[in-house]
C-alpha atoms as a PDB file:
ATOM      1  CA  SER A   1      -5.410 -50.594 -26.342  1.00  0.00           C
ATOM      2  CA  ALA A   2      -3.465 -49.862 -23.164  1.00  0.00           C
ATOM      3  CA  SER A   3      -5.040 -46.421 -23.057  1.00  0.00           C
ATOM      4  CA  GLU A   4      -8.514 -47.932 -23.430  1.00  0.00           C
ATOM      5  CA  ASN A   5      -7.792 -50.385 -20.599  1.00  0.00           C
ATOM      6  CA  HIS A   6      -6.928 -47.511 -18.262  1.00  0.00           C
ATOM      7  CA  ALA A   7     -10.046 -45.669 -19.390  1.00  0.00           C
ATOM      8  CA  GLY A   8     -12.154 -48.727 -18.533  1.00  0.00           C
ATOM      9  CA  ALA A   9     -10.513 -49.032 -15.120  1.00  0.00           C
ATOM     10  CA  SER A  10     -11.175 -45.329 -14.519  1.00  0.00           C
ATOM     11  CA  LYS A  11     -14.856 -45.783 -15.365  1.00  0.00           C
ATOM     12  CA  ARG A  12     -15.184 -48.736 -12.964  1.00  0.00           C
ATOM     13  CA  LEU A  13     -13.487 -46.849 -10.130  1.00  0.00           C
ATOM     14  CA  LEU A  14     -15.729 -43.845 -10.710  1.00  0.00           C
ATOM     15  CA  GLY A  15     -18.757 -46.144 -10.555  1.00  0.00           C
ATOM     16  CA  ARG A  16     -17.604 -47.286  -7.099  1.00  0.00           C
ATOM     17  CA  GLY A  17     -17.197 -43.689  -5.955  1.00  0.00           C
ATOM     18  CA  ASP A  18     -13.387 -43.648  -6.002  1.00  0.00           C
ATOM     19  CA  VAL A  19     -12.961 -40.289  -7.740  1.00  0.00           C
ATOM     20  CA  GLU A  20      -9.268 -39.929  -6.943  1.00  0.00           C
ATOM     21  CA  GLY A  21      -8.484 -43.425  -8.256  1.00  0.00           C
ATOM     22  CA  ALA A  22     -10.537 -42.740 -11.374  1.00  0.00           C
ATOM     23  CA  ILE A  23      -8.557 -39.580 -12.112  1.00  0.00           C
ATOM     24  CA  VAL A  24      -5.239 -41.391 -11.630  1.00  0.00           C
ATOM     25  CA  GLU A  25      -6.249 -44.243 -13.973  1.00  0.00           C
ATOM     26  CA  ALA A  26      -7.436 -41.796 -16.623  1.00  0.00           C
ATOM     27  CA  PHE A  27      -4.106 -39.978 -16.504  1.00  0.00           C
ATOM     28  CA  ARG A  28      -2.289 -43.285 -16.914  1.00  0.00           C
ATOM     29  CA  GLY A  29      -4.079 -43.689 -20.217  1.00  0.00           C
ATOM     30  CA  LEU A  30      -2.854 -40.339 -21.511  1.00  0.00           C
ATOM     31  CA  PRO A  31       0.567 -39.171 -22.726  1.00  0.00           C
ATOM     32  CA  GLN A  32       2.752 -37.119 -20.409  1.00  0.00           C
ATOM     33  CA  SER A  33       2.292 -34.068 -22.607  1.00  0.00           C
ATOM     34  CA  ILE A  34      -1.381 -33.193 -23.166  1.00  0.00           C
ATOM     35  CA  ASP A  35      -2.224 -30.847 -26.033  1.00  0.00           C
ATOM     36  CA  ASP A  36      -5.058 -30.001 -28.415  1.00  0.00           C
ATOM     37  CA  ARG A  37      -4.716 -33.351 -30.225  1.00  0.00           C
ATOM     38  CA  THR A  38      -4.995 -35.521 -27.114  1.00  0.00           C
ATOM     39  CA  ALA A  39      -8.796 -35.674 -27.179  1.00  0.00           C
ATOM     40  CA  GLU A  40      -8.704 -37.138 -30.709  1.00  0.00           C
ATOM     41  CA  GLN A  41      -5.747 -39.486 -30.207  1.00  0.00           C
ATOM     42  CA  PHE A  42      -6.862 -40.906 -26.831  1.00  0.00           C
ATOM     43  CA  PRO A  43     -10.627 -40.301 -26.760  1.00  0.00           C
ATOM     44  CA  PHE A  44     -11.582 -42.933 -24.161  1.00  0.00           C
ATOM     45  CA  ALA A  45      -9.008 -41.890 -21.562  1.00  0.00           C
ATOM     46  CA  TYR A  46      -9.684 -38.205 -22.222  1.00  0.00           C
ATOM     47  CA  GLN A  47     -13.415 -38.715 -21.729  1.00  0.00           C
ATOM     48  CA  ALA A  48     -12.751 -40.749 -18.582  1.00  0.00           C
ATOM     49  CA  LEU A  49     -10.636 -37.943 -17.156  1.00  0.00           C
ATOM     50  CA  THR A  50     -13.328 -35.400 -17.976  1.00  0.00           C
ATOM     51  CA  ALA A  51     -16.009 -37.529 -16.305  1.00  0.00           C
ATOM     52  CA  ALA A  52     -13.919 -38.096 -13.183  1.00  0.00           C
ATOM     53  CA  THR A  53     -12.966 -34.453 -12.713  1.00  0.00           C
ATOM     54  CA  ARG A  54     -16.504 -33.237 -13.320  1.00  0.00           C
ATOM     55  CA  SER A  55     -17.869 -35.679 -10.761  1.00  0.00           C
ATOM     56  CA  SER A  56     -15.563 -34.143  -8.150  1.00  0.00           C
ATOM     57  CA  SER A  57     -16.880 -30.650  -8.830  1.00  0.00           C
ATOM     58  CA  ILE A  58     -19.216 -28.984  -6.342  1.00  0.00           C
ATOM     59  CA  VAL A  59     -21.719 -26.352  -7.419  1.00  0.00           C
ATOM     60  CA  LEU A  60     -22.652 -23.807  -4.746  1.00  0.00           C
ATOM     61  CA  PRO A  61     -25.808 -21.647  -5.055  1.00  0.00           C
ATOM     62  CA  VAL A  62     -24.011 -18.302  -5.105  1.00  0.00           C
ATOM     63  CA  PRO A  63     -24.374 -15.393  -7.563  1.00  0.00           C
ATOM     64  CA  ALA A  64     -21.741 -16.060 -10.225  1.00  0.00           C
ATOM     65  CA  ASN A  65     -21.120 -12.394 -10.971  1.00  0.00           C
ATOM     66  CA  ASN A  66     -20.098 -11.761  -7.366  1.00  0.00           C
ATOM     67  CA  ILE A  67     -17.527 -14.543  -6.920  1.00  0.00           C
ATOM     68  CA  HIS A  68     -13.910 -13.449  -6.673  1.00  0.00           C
ATOM     69  CA  VAL A  69     -11.946 -16.171  -4.853  1.00  0.00           C
ATOM     70  CA  VAL A  70     -12.895 -19.693  -3.783  1.00  0.00           C
ATOM     71  CA  VAL A  71     -10.604 -21.850  -1.616  1.00  0.00           C
ATOM     72  CA  ALA A  72     -11.503 -25.373  -0.485  1.00  0.00           C
ATOM     73  CA  ASN A  73      -9.906 -27.577   2.156  1.00  0.00           C
ATOM     74  CA  VAL A  74      -8.241 -30.884   1.257  1.00  0.00           C
ATOM     75  CA  GLY A  75     -11.330 -32.940   2.094  1.00  0.00           C
ATOM     76  CA  GLY A  76     -13.565 -30.712   0.002  1.00  0.00           C
ATOM     77  CA  ASP A  77     -16.258 -30.473   2.692  1.00  0.00           C
ATOM     78  CA  ARG A  78     -15.528 -26.805   3.419  1.00  0.00           C
ATOM     79  CA  ALA A  79     -14.917 -23.849   1.108  1.00  0.00           C
ATOM     80  CA  VAL A  80     -14.355 -20.153   1.623  1.00  0.00           C
ATOM     81  CA  VAL A  81     -16.038 -17.906  -0.914  1.00  0.00           C
ATOM     82  CA  ALA A  82     -15.173 -14.243  -1.352  1.00  0.00           C
ATOM     83  CA  SER A  83     -18.447 -12.825  -2.588  1.00  0.00           C
ATOM     84  CA  VAL A  84     -17.342  -9.417  -3.839  1.00  0.00           C
ATOM     85  CA  ASP A  85     -19.841  -7.046  -5.414  1.00  0.00           C
ATOM     86  CA  ARG A  86     -18.984  -6.719  -9.101  1.00  0.00           C
ATOM     87  CA  GLU A  87     -19.200  -2.930  -8.957  1.00  0.00           C
ATOM     88  CA  TYR A  88     -16.484  -2.814  -6.286  1.00  0.00           C
ATOM     89  CA  ARG A  89     -14.320  -5.727  -7.422  1.00  0.00           C
ATOM     90  CA  GLY A  90     -11.352  -3.468  -8.090  1.00  0.00           C
ATOM     91  CA  VAL A  91     -11.180  -2.276  -4.490  1.00  0.00           C
ATOM     92  CA  GLY A  92     -12.858  -5.136  -2.667  1.00  0.00           C
ATOM     93  CA  LYS A  93     -16.282  -4.842  -1.079  1.00  0.00           C
ATOM     94  CA  GLY A  94     -18.180  -7.910   0.050  1.00  0.00           C
ATOM     95  CA  THR A  95     -17.982 -10.800   2.505  1.00  0.00           C
ATOM     96  CA  LEU A  96     -15.870 -13.899   3.111  1.00  0.00           C
ATOM     97  CA  GLU A  97     -18.184 -16.843   3.782  1.00  0.00           C
ATOM     98  CA  ILE A  98     -17.466 -20.389   4.986  1.00  0.00           C
ATOM     99  CA  TRP A  99     -19.599 -22.934   3.113  1.00  0.00           C
ATOM    100  CA  ASP A 100     -20.505 -26.508   3.970  1.00  0.00           C
ATOM    101  CA  THR A 101     -20.191 -28.028   0.490  1.00  0.00           C
ATOM    102  CA  GLY A 102     -22.249 -31.079   1.467  1.00  0.00           C
ATOM    103  CA  THR A 103     -25.360 -29.188   2.540  1.00  0.00           C
ATOM    104  CA  LYS A 104     -24.452 -26.210   0.306  1.00  0.00           C
ATOM    105  CA  THR A 105     -25.141 -23.731   3.076  1.00  0.00           C
ATOM    106  CA  VAL A 106     -23.211 -20.904   4.717  1.00  0.00           C
ATOM    107  CA  ILE A 107     -22.088 -21.916   8.213  1.00  0.00           C
ATOM    108  CA  GLY A 108     -20.159 -18.781   9.082  1.00  0.00           C
ATOM    109  CA  ILE A 109     -18.977 -15.382   7.899  1.00  0.00           C
ATOM    110  CA  LEU A 110     -15.319 -14.530   8.379  1.00  0.00           C
ATOM    111  CA  GLY A 111     -16.013 -10.858   7.843  1.00  0.00           C
ATOM    112  CA  GLU A 112     -16.259  -8.056   5.339  1.00  0.00           C
ATOM    113  CA  VAL A 113     -13.661  -8.003   2.592  1.00  0.00           C
ATOM    114  CA  GLY A 114     -11.583  -4.847   2.620  1.00  0.00           C
ATOM    115  CA  THR A 115      -9.087  -5.880  -0.034  1.00  0.00           C
ATOM    116  CA  ALA A 116      -9.352  -6.576  -3.746  1.00  0.00           C
ATOM    117  CA  VAL A 117      -7.262  -9.759  -3.346  1.00  0.00           C
ATOM    118  CA  PRO A 118      -8.382 -11.874  -0.364  1.00  0.00           C
ATOM    119  CA  SER A 119      -5.866 -14.355   1.051  1.00  0.00           C
ATOM    120  CA  VAL A 120      -7.292 -17.582   2.530  1.00  0.00           C
ATOM    121  CA  LYS A 121      -5.554 -20.686   3.923  1.00  0.00           C
ATOM    122  CA  PHE A 122      -6.854 -23.895   5.532  1.00  0.00           C
ATOM    123  CA  SER A 123      -4.802 -25.812   8.083  1.00  0.00           C
ATOM    124  CA  ALA A 124      -3.389 -29.175   6.973  1.00  0.00           C
ATOM    125  CA  ASP A 125      -6.242 -31.153   8.545  1.00  0.00           C
ATOM    126  CA  GLY A 126      -8.867 -28.712   7.242  1.00  0.00           C
ATOM    127  CA  SER A 127     -10.188 -27.942  10.734  1.00  0.00           C
ATOM    128  CA  ARG A 128      -9.135 -24.290  10.783  1.00  0.00           C
ATOM    129  CA  VAL A 129      -9.145 -21.503   8.246  1.00  0.00           C
ATOM    130  CA  ALA A 130      -7.361 -18.147   8.199  1.00  0.00           C
ATOM    131  CA  ALA A 131      -8.400 -15.226   6.032  1.00  0.00           C
ATOM    132  CA  TYR A 132      -6.936 -11.788   5.461  1.00  0.00           C
ATOM    133  CA  LEU A 133      -9.751  -9.227   5.510  1.00  0.00           C
ATOM    134  CA  GLY A 134      -7.738  -6.088   4.780  1.00  0.00           C
ATOM    135  CA  LYS A 135      -6.179  -3.236   6.820  1.00  0.00           C
ATOM    136  CA  GLY A 136      -3.887  -5.711   8.576  1.00  0.00           C
ATOM    137  CA  ILE A 137      -6.723  -7.815  10.009  1.00  0.00           C
ATOM    138  CA  THR A 138      -6.554 -11.623   9.688  1.00  0.00           C
ATOM    139  CA  LYS A 139      -9.240 -13.803  11.219  1.00  0.00           C
ATOM    140  CA  VAL A 140      -8.865 -17.477  12.166  1.00  0.00           C
ATOM    141  CA  ALA A 141     -12.033 -19.571  12.459  1.00  0.00           C
ATOM    142  CA  ASP A 142     -13.121 -23.133  13.204  1.00  0.00           C
ATOM    143  CA  ALA A 143     -13.908 -24.607   9.785  1.00  0.00           C
ATOM    144  CA  ALA A 144     -16.477 -27.025  11.242  1.00  0.00           C
ATOM    145  CA  THR A 145     -18.590 -24.450  13.094  1.00  0.00           C
ATOM    146  CA  GLY A 146     -17.576 -21.151  11.513  1.00  0.00           C
ATOM    147  CA  LYS A 147     -16.886 -19.651  14.951  1.00  0.00           C
ATOM    148  CA  THR A 148     -14.006 -17.199  15.313  1.00  0.00           C
ATOM    149  CA  ILE A 149     -10.968 -18.556  17.150  1.00  0.00           C
ATOM    150  CA  SER A 150      -8.804 -15.423  17.112  1.00  0.00           C
ATOM    151  CA  THR A 151      -8.282 -12.118  15.341  1.00  0.00           C
ATOM    152  CA  ILE A 152      -4.702 -11.281  14.389  1.00  0.00           C
ATOM    153  CA  LYS A 153      -3.364  -7.825  13.569  1.00  0.00           C
ATOM    154  CA  LEU A 154      -0.617  -8.021  10.937  1.00  0.00           C
ATOM    155  CA  SER A 155       1.728  -5.102  10.353  1.00  0.00           C
ATOM    156  CA  ALA A 156      -0.114  -2.758   7.988  1.00  0.00           C
ATOM    157  CA  ASP A 157       3.220  -1.043   7.243  1.00  0.00           C
ATOM    158  CA  HIS A 158       4.239  -4.037   5.140  1.00  0.00           C
ATOM    159  CA  LEU A 159       0.994  -4.322   3.196  1.00  0.00           C
ATOM    160  CA  GLY A 160       0.211  -2.208   0.180  1.00  0.00           C
ATOM    161  CA  PRO A 161       0.628  -1.585  -3.539  1.00  0.00           C
ATOM    162  CA  ALA A 162       3.575  -3.112  -5.345  1.00  0.00           C
ATOM    163  CA  TYR A 163       4.203  -3.018  -9.100  1.00  0.00           C
ATOM    164  CA  GLY A 164       0.789  -1.509  -9.729  1.00  0.00           C
ATOM    165  CA  GLY A 165      -1.188  -4.169  -7.845  1.00  0.00           C
ATOM    166  CA  PHE A 166      -1.881  -5.266  -4.290  1.00  0.00           C
ATOM    167  CA  ASN A 167       0.147  -7.900  -2.476  1.00  0.00           C
ATOM    168  CA  PRO A 168      -1.913  -9.681   0.191  1.00  0.00           C
ATOM    169  CA  PRO A 169      -0.011 -11.562   2.916  1.00  0.00           C
ATOM    170  CA  VAL A 170       0.886 -15.181   2.249  1.00  0.00           C
ATOM    171  CA  LEU A 171      -0.586 -17.262   5.092  1.00  0.00           C
ATOM    172  CA  VAL A 172       0.818 -20.635   6.221  1.00  0.00           C
ATOM    173  CA  PHE A 173      -0.287 -22.871   9.115  1.00  0.00           C
ATOM    174  CA  SER A 174       2.126 -24.988  11.121  1.00  0.00           C
ATOM    175  CA  PRO A 175       1.487 -28.753  10.631  1.00  0.00           C
ATOM    176  CA  ASP A 176      -0.550 -28.966  13.859  1.00  0.00           C
ATOM    177  CA  GLY A 177      -2.526 -25.805  13.073  1.00  0.00           C
ATOM    178  CA  ALA A 178      -1.331 -24.068  16.264  1.00  0.00           C
ATOM    179  CA  VAL A 179       0.752 -21.347  14.593  1.00  0.00           C
ATOM    180  CA  LEU A 180      -0.099 -19.064  11.690  1.00  0.00           C
ATOM    181  CA  VAL A 181       2.764 -17.500   9.729  1.00  0.00           C
ATOM    182  CA  GLY A 182       2.207 -14.420   7.619  1.00  0.00           C
ATOM    183  CA  THR A 183       4.717 -13.242   5.010  1.00  0.00           C
ATOM    184  CA  LEU A 184       4.216  -9.567   4.169  1.00  0.00           C
ATOM    185  CA  HIS A 185       5.847  -7.578   1.374  1.00  0.00           C
ATOM    186  CA  LYS A 186       5.718  -3.975   0.315  1.00  0.00           C
ATOM    187  CA  GLN A 187       8.008  -2.478  -2.307  1.00  0.00           C
ATOM    188  CA  GLY A 188      10.875  -4.826  -1.525  1.00  0.00           C
ATOM    189  CA  LEU A 189      10.495  -4.698   2.280  1.00  0.00           C
ATOM    190  CA  ALA A 190       9.717  -8.070   3.838  1.00  0.00           C
ATOM    191  CA  LEU A 191       8.366  -9.085   7.227  1.00  0.00           C
ATOM    192  CA  VAL A 192       7.641 -12.602   8.506  1.00  0.00           C
ATOM    193  CA  GLN A 193       5.415 -12.898  11.576  1.00  0.00           C
ATOM    194  CA  GLY A 194       4.287 -15.960  13.548  1.00  0.00           C
ATOM    195  CA  TRP A 195       1.119 -15.964  15.638  1.00  0.00           C
ATOM    196  CA  ASP A 196      -0.423 -18.309  18.198  1.00  0.00           C
ATOM    197  CA  VAL A 197      -3.750 -19.287  16.656  1.00  0.00           C
ATOM    198  CA  ASN A 198      -5.678 -19.852  19.899  1.00  0.00           C
ATOM    199  CA  SER A 199      -4.651 -16.652  21.684  1.00  0.00           C
ATOM    200  CA  GLY A 200      -3.774 -14.389  18.766  1.00  0.00           C
ATOM    201  CA  ALA A 201      -0.464 -13.523  20.473  1.00  0.00           C
ATOM    202  CA  LYS A 202       2.655 -12.919  18.399  1.00  0.00           C
ATOM    203  CA  ARG A 203       5.305 -15.658  18.732  1.00  0.00           C
ATOM    204  CA  PHE A 204       8.081 -14.347  16.519  1.00  0.00           C
ATOM    205  CA  GLU A 205       8.999 -11.779  13.903  1.00  0.00           C
ATOM    206  CA  PHE A 206      11.745 -11.549  11.283  1.00  0.00           C
ATOM    207  CA  ASP A 207      12.178  -8.159   9.659  1.00  0.00           C
ATOM    208  CA  LEU A 208      14.192  -8.559   6.458  1.00  0.00           C
ATOM    209  CA  GLY A 209      14.210  -4.813   5.881  1.00  0.00           C
ATOM    210  CA  THR A 210      15.682  -3.865   2.538  1.00  0.00           C
ATOM    211  CA  LYS A 211      17.435  -7.205   2.000  1.00  0.00           C
ATOM    212  CA  CYS A 212      14.764  -8.186  -0.519  1.00  0.00           C
ATOM    213  CA  ASN A 213      15.310  -5.200  -2.779  1.00  0.00           C
ATOM    214  CA  GLY A 214      18.168  -6.759  -4.740  1.00  0.00           C
ATOM    215  CA  LEU A 215      16.281 -10.009  -5.250  1.00  0.00           C
ATOM    216  CA  ALA A 216      13.094  -8.222  -6.235  1.00  0.00           C
ATOM    217  CA  ASN A 217      14.936  -6.105  -8.789  1.00  0.00           C
ATOM    218  CA  THR A 218      16.659  -9.186 -10.214  1.00  0.00           C
ATOM    219  CA  ALA A 219      13.666 -11.527 -10.379  1.00  0.00           C
ATOM    220  CA  GLY A 220      10.940  -8.961 -10.935  1.00  0.00           C
ATOM    221  CA  TRP A 221       7.449  -9.243  -9.491  1.00  0.00           C
ATOM    222  CA  ALA A 222       7.659 -12.998  -8.844  1.00  0.00           C
ATOM    223  CA  LEU A 223       9.321 -12.529  -5.452  1.00  0.00           C
ATOM    224  CA  THR A 224       7.111  -9.744  -4.147  1.00  0.00           C
ATOM    225  CA  ARG A 225       4.538 -12.161  -2.723  1.00  0.00           C
ATOM    226  CA  GLY A 226       7.075 -14.214  -0.777  1.00  0.00           C
ATOM    227  CA  PHE A 227       6.429 -17.415   1.079  1.00  0.00           C
ATOM    228  CA  ALA A 228       7.260 -19.283   4.271  1.00  0.00           C
ATOM    229  CA  VAL A 229       7.559 -23.018   4.899  1.00  0.00           C
ATOM    230  CA  LEU A 230       7.446 -24.759   8.257  1.00  0.00           C
ATOM    231  CA  SER A 231       9.141 -28.080   8.905  1.00  0.00           C
ATOM    232  CA  ALA A 232       6.988 -31.179   9.520  1.00  0.00           C
ATOM    233  CA  ASP A 233       7.448 -30.935  13.294  1.00  0.00           C
ATOM    234  CA  GLY A 234       6.844 -27.182  13.285  1.00  0.00           C
ATOM    235  CA  ALA A 235      10.209 -26.529  14.948  1.00  0.00           C
ATOM    236  CA  SER A 236      11.897 -24.564  12.153  1.00  0.00           C
ATOM    237  CA  LEU A 237      10.914 -22.037   9.540  1.00  0.00           C
ATOM    238  CA  SER A 238      12.386 -21.025   6.192  1.00  0.00           C
ATOM    239  CA  PHE A 239      11.368 -18.088   4.048  1.00  0.00           C
END
């Protein structure tokens, strides 16, 4: 009965347009561990969760066979779609487009995709978006207008095959969106670079050299992508 009460609350919240609240209420009516039996044991809450999550979905009029990567900002009003031709999906050949999910139209093109694994990151407020296009080129654009803000040249020496695949850079914005940090890895070599978003000028660089080799050999492929985290005030960086 408690589960059904949460399911009812979820339905009412969804009716008022509170999708996030509806999802939370539906989860409250479900056990912590969800498995194949959950739909039968808690049908009302399970159906409420399905309804709430489906209502938050956005369908864009793009050719399904061409889609490779889709990344949306926190607000959900902007999305970057890597429309890669199916014939060239293994090597990457297509375009990175910025979509307005409300009007379902393309507002800007970040550029041609030159990598099989595009890397895209929105700033915390969703106003800016950075995308790695391949061959060391990363473009930063205004997510509202689609206009290019800067073009950044990452070190191509630290980008390339690793463990039989391709490791794109991991991109991270500072909290205010003023700095873009790229973590690059290639066969155990690591490089962390920070760039001024408005000017495209390099702010800092940490070359870890071969220090990652021991960790990569111990942990396997999991560490080859790497990551960087900026503090809330943007004053310090860990990686």
